[in-house]
Amino acid sequence: MPVVYLKSGGRAVCGGCTYKEGVVKLVDVTFKEAGLPADKEKQPEAVVSLANVLYVLPGQ
């Protein structure tokens, strides 16, 4: 499970991700310590701009 660390704070743990056209598309995402409301922390899909990505740790 890849972990995406965000410049805006927090991280996103996801089931998978793809990089294209200046964004990272995440599937089965859980945002941790990102300051989101509890009902929005877990999402089936999210798109994050590469400008907001600090670094990505690939899955194991």
PDB file of N, CA and C in Angstrom:
ATOM      1  N   MET A   1       0.836  -1.177   0.000  1.00  0.00           N
ATOM      2  CA  MET A   1       0.000   0.000   0.000  1.00  0.00           C
ATOM      3  C   MET A   1       0.884   1.244   0.000  1.00  0.00           C
ATOM      4  N   PRO A   2       0.861   2.005  -1.080  1.00  0.00           N
ATOM      5  CA  PRO A   2       1.656   3.231  -1.137  1.00  0.00           C
ATOM      6  C   PRO A   2       1.187   4.266  -0.114  1.00  0.00           C
ATOM      7  N   VAL A   3       2.129   5.079   0.347  1.00  0.00           N
ATOM      8  CA  VAL A   3       1.833   6.183   1.257  1.00  0.00           C
ATOM      9  C   VAL A   3       2.297   7.465   0.585  1.00  0.00           C
ATOM     10  N   VAL A   4       1.393   8.428   0.448  1.00  0.00           N
ATOM     11  CA  VAL A   4       1.695   9.712  -0.182  1.00  0.00           C
ATOM     12  C   VAL A   4       1.721  10.771   0.916  1.00  0.00           C
ATOM     13  N   TYR A   5       2.877  11.406   1.114  1.00  0.00           N
ATOM     14  CA  TYR A   5       3.000  12.490   2.086  1.00  0.00           C
ATOM     15  C   TYR A   5       2.693  13.804   1.382  1.00  0.00           C
ATOM     16  N   LEU A   6       1.837  14.609   2.006  1.00  0.00           N
ATOM     17  CA  LEU A   6       1.346  15.830   1.384  1.00  0.00           C
ATOM     18  C   LEU A   6       2.046  17.063   1.944  1.00  0.00           C
ATOM     19  N   LYS A   7       2.348  18.027   1.087  1.00  0.00           N
ATOM     20  CA  LYS A   7       2.950  19.289   1.524  1.00  0.00           C
ATOM     21  C   LYS A   7       1.994  20.068   2.413  1.00  0.00           C
ATOM     22  N   SER A   8       0.701  19.909   2.189  1.00  0.00           N
ATOM     23  CA  SER A   8      -0.298  20.622   2.982  1.00  0.00           C
ATOM     24  C   SER A   8      -0.464  20.018   4.373  1.00  0.00           C
ATOM     25  N   GLY A   9       0.190  18.899   4.625  1.00  0.00           N
ATOM     26  CA  GLY A   9       0.130  18.249   5.929  1.00  0.00           C
ATOM     27  C   GLY A   9      -0.595  16.924   5.858  1.00  0.00           C
ATOM     28  N   GLY A  10      -0.128  15.974   6.620  1.00  0.00           N
ATOM     29  CA  GLY A  10      -0.750  14.665   6.659  1.00  0.00           C
ATOM     30  C   GLY A  10      -0.243  13.750   5.563  1.00  0.00           C
ATOM     31  N   ARG A  11      -0.937  12.629   5.448  1.00  0.00           N
ATOM     32  CA  ARG A  11      -0.544  11.638   4.453  1.00  0.00           C
ATOM     33  C   ARG A  11      -1.781  10.902   3.964  1.00  0.00           C
ATOM     34  N   ALA A  12      -1.616  10.239   2.843  1.00  0.00           N
ATOM     35  CA  ALA A  12      -2.701   9.448   2.269  1.00  0.00           C
ATOM     36  C   ALA A  12      -2.188   8.031   2.065  1.00  0.00           C
ATOM     37  N   VAL A  13      -2.864   7.065   2.659  1.00  0.00           N
ATOM     38  CA  VAL A  13      -2.539   5.650   2.476  1.00  0.00           C
ATOM     39  C   VAL A  13      -3.548   5.119   1.468  1.00  0.00           C
ATOM     40  N   CYS A  14      -3.055   4.478   0.408  1.00  0.00           N
ATOM     41  CA  CYS A  14      -3.974   4.064  -0.651  1.00  0.00           C
ATOM     42  C   CYS A  14      -3.686   2.637  -1.111  1.00  0.00           C
ATOM     43  N   GLY A  15      -4.653   2.083  -1.802  1.00  0.00           N
ATOM     44  CA  GLY A  15      -4.515   0.746  -2.358  1.00  0.00           C
ATOM     45  C   GLY A  15      -3.671   0.727  -3.613  1.00  0.00           C
ATOM     46  N   GLY A  16      -3.604   1.849  -4.303  1.00  0.00           N
ATOM     47  CA  GLY A  16      -2.811   1.966  -5.517  1.00  0.00           C
ATOM     48  C   GLY A  16      -2.832   3.392  -6.016  1.00  0.00           C
ATOM     49  N   CYS A  17      -1.861   3.728  -6.870  1.00  0.00           N
ATOM     50  CA  CYS A  17      -1.825   5.088  -7.409  1.00  0.00           C
ATOM     51  C   CYS A  17      -1.191   5.097  -8.793  1.00  0.00           C
ATOM     52  N   THR A  18      -1.572   6.100  -9.575  1.00  0.00           N
ATOM     53  CA  THR A  18      -0.978   6.324 -10.889  1.00  0.00           C
ATOM     54  C   THR A  18      -0.593   7.795 -10.987  1.00  0.00           C
ATOM     55  N   TYR A  19       0.445   8.067 -11.781  1.00  0.00           N
ATOM     56  CA  TYR A  19       0.941   9.428 -11.975  1.00  0.00           C
ATOM     57  C   TYR A  19       0.762   9.786 -13.438  1.00  0.00           C
ATOM     58  N   LYS A  20       0.068  10.886 -13.718  1.00  0.00           N
ATOM     59  CA  LYS A  20      -0.022  11.361 -15.093  1.00  0.00           C
ATOM     60  C   LYS A  20      -0.605  12.765 -15.129  1.00  0.00           C
ATOM     61  N   GLU A  21      -0.175  13.527 -16.116  1.00  0.00           N
ATOM     62  CA  GLU A  21      -0.691  14.868 -16.372  1.00  0.00           C
ATOM     63  C   GLU A  21      -0.653  15.772 -15.143  1.00  0.00           C
ATOM     64  N   GLY A  22       0.403  15.691 -14.345  1.00  0.00           N
ATOM     65  CA  GLY A  22       0.577  16.595 -13.213  1.00  0.00           C
ATOM     66  C   GLY A  22      -0.226  16.278 -11.977  1.00  0.00           C
ATOM     67  N   VAL A  23      -0.831  15.083 -11.923  1.00  0.00           N
ATOM     68  CA  VAL A  23      -1.603  14.687 -10.752  1.00  0.00           C
ATOM     69  C   VAL A  23      -1.278  13.246 -10.365  1.00  0.00           C
ATOM     70  N   VAL A  24      -1.622  12.911  -9.144  1.00  0.00           N
ATOM     71  CA  VAL A  24      -1.538  11.534  -8.665  1.00  0.00           C
ATOM     72  C   VAL A  24      -2.974  11.088  -8.411  1.00  0.00           C
ATOM     73  N   LYS A  25      -3.380  10.000  -9.047  1.00  0.00           N
ATOM     74  CA  LYS A  25      -4.720   9.452  -8.838  1.00  0.00           C
ATOM     75  C   LYS A  25      -4.593   8.295  -7.860  1.00  0.00           C
ATOM     76  N   LEU A  26      -5.314   8.383  -6.749  1.00  0.00           N
ATOM     77  CA  LEU A  26      -5.252   7.390  -5.680  1.00  0.00           C
ATOM     78  C   LEU A  26      -6.573   6.633  -5.611  1.00  0.00           C
ATOM     79  N   VAL A  27      -6.507   5.329  -5.346  1.00  0.00           N
ATOM     80  CA  VAL A  27      -7.717   4.522  -5.162  1.00  0.00           C
ATOM     81  C   VAL A  27      -7.695   3.895  -3.777  1.00  0.00           C
ATOM     82  N   ASP A  28      -8.886   3.695  -3.208  1.00  0.00           N
ATOM     83  CA  ASP A  28      -9.043   3.166  -1.843  1.00  0.00           C
ATOM     84  C   ASP A  28      -8.179   3.963  -0.868  1.00  0.00           C
ATOM     85  N   VAL A  29      -8.470   5.246  -0.745  1.00  0.00           N
ATOM     86  CA  VAL A  29      -7.636   6.194  -0.002  1.00  0.00           C
ATOM     87  C   VAL A  29      -8.141   6.400   1.416  1.00  0.00           C
ATOM     88  N   THR A  30      -7.203   6.467   2.364  1.00  0.00           N
ATOM     89  CA  THR A  30      -7.491   6.901   3.720  1.00  0.00           C
ATOM     90  C   THR A  30      -6.521   8.029   4.047  1.00  0.00           C
ATOM     91  N   PHE A  31      -7.067   9.219   4.304  1.00  0.00           N
ATOM     92  CA  PHE A  31      -6.239  10.368   4.670  1.00  0.00           C
ATOM     93  C   PHE A  31      -5.998  10.344   6.168  1.00  0.00           C
ATOM     94  N   LYS A  32      -4.744  10.505   6.564  1.00  0.00           N
ATOM     95  CA  LYS A  32      -4.362  10.494   7.979  1.00  0.00           C
ATOM     96  C   LYS A  32      -3.743  11.844   8.328  1.00  0.00           C
ATOM     97  N   GLU A  33      -4.172  12.418   9.442  1.00  0.00           N
ATOM     98  CA  GLU A  33      -3.608  13.673   9.954  1.00  0.00           C
ATOM     99  C   GLU A  33      -3.659  14.797   8.923  1.00  0.00           C
ATOM    100  N   ALA A  34      -4.638  14.774   8.033  1.00  0.00           N
ATOM    101  CA  ALA A  34      -4.731  15.776   6.967  1.00  0.00           C
ATOM    102  C   ALA A  34      -5.718  16.891   7.302  1.00  0.00           C
ATOM    103  N   GLY A  35      -6.371  16.813   8.439  1.00  0.00           N
ATOM    104  CA  GLY A  35      -7.306  17.856   8.835  1.00  0.00           C
ATOM    105  C   GLY A  35      -8.656  17.790   8.144  1.00  0.00           C
ATOM    106  N   LEU A  36      -9.000  16.638   7.605  1.00  0.00           N
ATOM    107  CA  LEU A  36     -10.300  16.470   6.949  1.00  0.00           C
ATOM    108  C   LEU A  36     -11.348  16.026   7.965  1.00  0.00           C
ATOM    109  N   PRO A  37     -12.626  16.333   7.714  1.00  0.00           N
ATOM    110  CA  PRO A  37     -13.687  15.810   8.573  1.00  0.00           C
ATOM    111  C   PRO A  37     -13.689  14.280   8.543  1.00  0.00           C
ATOM    112  N   ALA A  38     -14.150  13.676   9.618  1.00  0.00           N
ATOM    113  CA  ALA A  38     -14.115  12.216   9.754  1.00  0.00           C
ATOM    114  C   ALA A  38     -14.832  11.503   8.609  1.00  0.00           C
ATOM    115  N   ASP A  39     -15.921  12.076   8.101  1.00  0.00           N
ATOM    116  CA  ASP A  39     -16.663  11.406   7.029  1.00  0.00           C
ATOM    117  C   ASP A  39     -15.961  11.498   5.673  1.00  0.00           C
ATOM    118  N   LYS A  40     -14.919  12.319   5.546  1.00  0.00           N
ATOM    119  CA  LYS A  40     -14.197  12.453   4.272  1.00  0.00           C
ATOM    120  C   LYS A  40     -12.804  11.840   4.318  1.00  0.00           C
ATOM    121  N   GLU A  41     -12.409  11.269   5.452  1.00  0.00           N
ATOM    122  CA  GLU A  41     -11.064  10.691   5.562  1.00  0.00           C
ATOM    123  C   GLU A  41     -10.886   9.465   4.683  1.00  0.00           C
ATOM    124  N   LYS A  42     -11.932   8.676   4.503  1.00  0.00           N
ATOM    125  CA  LYS A  42     -11.843   7.469   3.670  1.00  0.00           C
ATOM    126  C   LYS A  42     -12.648   7.701   2.399  1.00  0.00           C
ATOM    127  N   GLN A  43     -11.971   7.558   1.242  1.00  0.00           N
ATOM    128  CA  GLN A  43     -12.612   7.811  -0.041  1.00  0.00           C
ATOM    129  C   GLN A  43     -12.252   6.700  -1.021  1.00  0.00           C
ATOM    130  N   PRO A  44     -13.158   6.356  -1.939  1.00  0.00           N
ATOM    131  CA  PRO A  44     -12.843   5.317  -2.926  1.00  0.00           C
ATOM    132  C   PRO A  44     -11.819   5.790  -3.953  1.00  0.00           C
ATOM    133  N   GLU A  45     -11.764   7.122  -4.188  1.00  0.00           N
ATOM    134  CA  GLU A  45     -10.851   7.655  -5.202  1.00  0.00           C
ATOM    135  C   GLU A  45     -10.544   9.116  -4.881  1.00  0.00           C
ATOM    136  N   ALA A  46      -9.308   9.537  -5.146  1.00  0.00           N
ATOM    137  CA  ALA A  46      -8.919  10.937  -4.943  1.00  0.00           C
ATOM    138  C   ALA A  46      -7.867  11.315  -5.971  1.00  0.00           C
ATOM    139  N   VAL A  47      -7.856  12.588  -6.335  1.00  0.00           N
ATOM    140  CA  VAL A  47      -6.860  13.121  -7.260  1.00  0.00           C
ATOM    141  C   VAL A  47      -6.118  14.237  -6.538  1.00  0.00           C
ATOM    142  N   VAL A  48      -4.786  14.131  -6.485  1.00  0.00           N
ATOM    143  CA  VAL A  48      -3.953  15.105  -5.784  1.00  0.00           C
ATOM    144  C   VAL A  48      -2.950  15.686  -6.774  1.00  0.00           C
ATOM    145  N   SER A  49      -2.821  16.999  -6.775  1.00  0.00           N
ATOM    146  CA  SER A  49      -1.856  17.671  -7.643  1.00  0.00           C
ATOM    147  C   SER A  49      -0.436  17.311  -7.211  1.00  0.00           C
ATOM    148  N   LEU A  50       0.452  17.119  -8.186  1.00  0.00           N
ATOM    149  CA  LEU A  50       1.854  16.838  -7.854  1.00  0.00           C
ATOM    150  C   LEU A  50       2.488  17.994  -7.093  1.00  0.00           C
ATOM    151  N   ALA A  51       1.955  19.206  -7.234  1.00  0.00           N
ATOM    152  CA  ALA A  51       2.459  20.362  -6.497  1.00  0.00           C
ATOM    153  C   ALA A  51       2.220  20.206  -4.998  1.00  0.00           C
ATOM    154  N   ASN A  52       1.276  19.347  -4.600  1.00  0.00           N
ATOM    155  CA  ASN A  52       0.965  19.126  -3.189  1.00  0.00           C
ATOM    156  C   ASN A  52       1.585  17.840  -2.654  1.00  0.00           C
ATOM    157  N   VAL A  53       2.382  17.139  -3.449  1.00  0.00           N
ATOM    158  CA  VAL A  53       2.989  15.880  -3.018  1.00  0.00           C
ATOM    159  C   VAL A  53       4.425  16.134  -2.572  1.00  0.00           C
ATOM    160  N   LEU A  54       4.714  15.775  -1.326  1.00  0.00           N
ATOM    161  CA  LEU A  54       6.073  15.904  -0.807  1.00  0.00           C
ATOM    162  C   LEU A  54       6.910  14.733  -1.298  1.00  0.00           C
ATOM    163  N   TYR A  55       6.446  13.508  -1.020  1.00  0.00           N
ATOM    164  CA  TYR A  55       7.077  12.300  -1.562  1.00  0.00           C
ATOM    165  C   TYR A  55       6.131  11.120  -1.429  1.00  0.00           C
ATOM    166  N   VAL A  56       6.460  10.049  -2.142  1.00  0.00           N
ATOM    167  CA  VAL A  56       5.636   8.839  -2.159  1.00  0.00           C
ATOM    168  C   VAL A  56       6.497   7.657  -1.745  1.00  0.00           C
ATOM    169  N   LEU A  57       6.018   6.894  -0.776  1.00  0.00           N
ATOM    170  CA  LEU A  57       6.667   5.635  -0.409  1.00  0.00           C
ATOM    171  C   LEU A  57       5.898   4.518  -1.101  1.00  0.00           C
ATOM    172  N   PRO A  58       6.549   3.765  -1.982  1.00  0.00           N
ATOM    173  CA  PRO A  58       5.838   2.700  -2.693  1.00  0.00           C
ATOM    174  C   PRO A  58       5.375   1.602  -1.740  1.00  0.00           C
ATOM    175  N   GLY A  59       4.395   0.844  -2.171  1.00  0.00           N
ATOM    176  CA  GLY A  59       3.866  -0.246  -1.359  1.00  0.00           C
ATOM    177  C   GLY A  59       4.853  -1.374  -1.193  1.00  0.00           C
ATOM    178  N   GLN A  60       4.540  -2.247  -0.264  1.00  0.00           N
ATOM    179  CA  GLN A  60       5.423  -3.377   0.025  1.00  0.00           C
ATOM    180  C   GLN A  60       5.017  -4.574  -0.790  1.00  0.00           C
TER     181      GLN A  60
END
